[in-house]
Amino acid sequence: MSGDESGFFDTRRAADYLGLSHRTLDGYRVSGNGPAFHRFGNRVRYRRSDLDAWAVKRRATTTAEADRLGAR
């Protein structure tokens, strides 16, 4: 259940998809600044559509805008 064949990514696969380290994605999840996720028991999983939606919300065209979004 760790790949996209099930519709869900585990944290490492989701982080790879976003170009982040898994520790960065973990930190975003803990702080509430990351993409939506699902918890199945003690397993955290992400849907590709939630990763894409989160990335779109963090899109910026200037560094000032990126600072405002917290994207840097």
Protein backbone atom coordinates (compact mmCIF):
# COMPACT_ATOMS: atom_id res chain seq x y z
CA MET A 1 0.00 0.00 0.00
CA SER A 2 3.00 2.29 -0.32
CA GLY A 3 2.67 3.20 -3.98
CA ASP A 4 0.23 4.92 -6.24
CA GLU A 5 -1.27 1.61 -7.41
CA SER A 6 -3.54 1.72 -4.34
CA GLY A 7 -4.37 5.40 -4.75
CA PHE A 8 -2.26 6.34 -1.73
CA PHE A 9 1.39 7.29 -1.20
CA ASP A 10 3.29 6.63 1.99
CA THR A 11 5.25 9.56 3.44
CA ARG A 12 8.49 8.79 1.61
CA ARG A 13 6.79 8.38 -1.74
CA ALA A 14 4.72 11.54 -1.20
CA ALA A 15 7.84 13.49 -0.25
CA ASP A 16 9.63 12.21 -3.36
CA TYR A 17 6.66 13.22 -5.48
CA LEU A 18 6.83 16.76 -4.06
CA GLY A 19 10.63 16.95 -4.18
CA LEU A 20 10.91 17.18 -0.40
CA SER A 21 12.61 15.10 2.24
CA HIS A 22 10.32 12.84 4.24
CA ARG A 23 11.40 14.72 7.38
CA THR A 24 10.26 18.02 5.87
CA LEU A 25 6.89 16.50 4.98
CA ASP A 26 6.63 15.07 8.52
CA GLY A 27 7.30 18.53 9.92
CA TYR A 28 4.65 20.10 7.71
CA ARG A 29 2.15 17.49 8.86
CA VAL A 30 2.90 18.09 12.55
CA SER A 31 2.66 21.88 12.16
CA GLY A 32 -0.54 21.68 10.11
CA ASN A 33 1.11 23.32 7.09
CA GLY A 34 1.27 20.23 4.90
CA PRO A 35 -1.07 18.53 2.50
CA ALA A 36 -4.17 16.70 3.67
CA PHE A 37 -3.46 13.14 4.75
CA HIS A 38 -5.20 9.99 5.90
CA ARG A 39 -4.31 7.93 8.94
CA PHE A 40 -4.97 4.21 8.88
CA GLY A 41 -3.99 2.93 12.30
CA ASN A 42 -0.41 4.13 12.72
CA ARG A 43 0.15 4.57 8.97
CA VAL A 44 -0.01 7.95 7.27
CA ARG A 45 -1.00 8.04 3.61
CA TYR A 46 -1.46 10.81 1.04
CA ARG A 47 -3.59 10.94 -2.09
CA ARG A 48 -1.93 12.32 -5.19
CA SER A 49 -4.82 14.76 -5.67
CA ASP A 50 -4.24 16.19 -2.17
CA LEU A 51 -0.51 16.58 -2.87
CA ASP A 52 -1.28 18.37 -6.14
CA ALA A 53 -3.86 20.66 -4.51
CA TRP A 54 -1.41 21.58 -1.74
CA ALA A 55 1.33 22.34 -4.26
CA VAL A 56 -1.01 24.55 -6.33
CA LYS A 57 -1.89 26.60 -3.22
CA ARG A 58 1.83 27.23 -2.64
CA ARG A 59 2.54 28.45 -6.17
CA ALA A 60 4.14 31.90 -6.27
CA THR A 61 5.41 34.22 -8.99
CA THR A 62 7.61 36.45 -6.81
CA THR A 63 9.77 35.89 -3.74
CA ALA A 64 7.61 38.35 -1.82
CA GLU A 65 4.57 36.26 -2.63
CA ALA A 66 6.45 33.09 -1.66
CA ASP A 67 7.31 34.64 1.71
CA ARG A 68 3.65 35.53 2.26
CA LEU A 69 2.60 31.96 1.44
CA GLY A 70 5.35 30.44 3.55
CA ALA A 71 6.53 28.65 0.42
CA ARG A 72 10.20 29.36 1.02
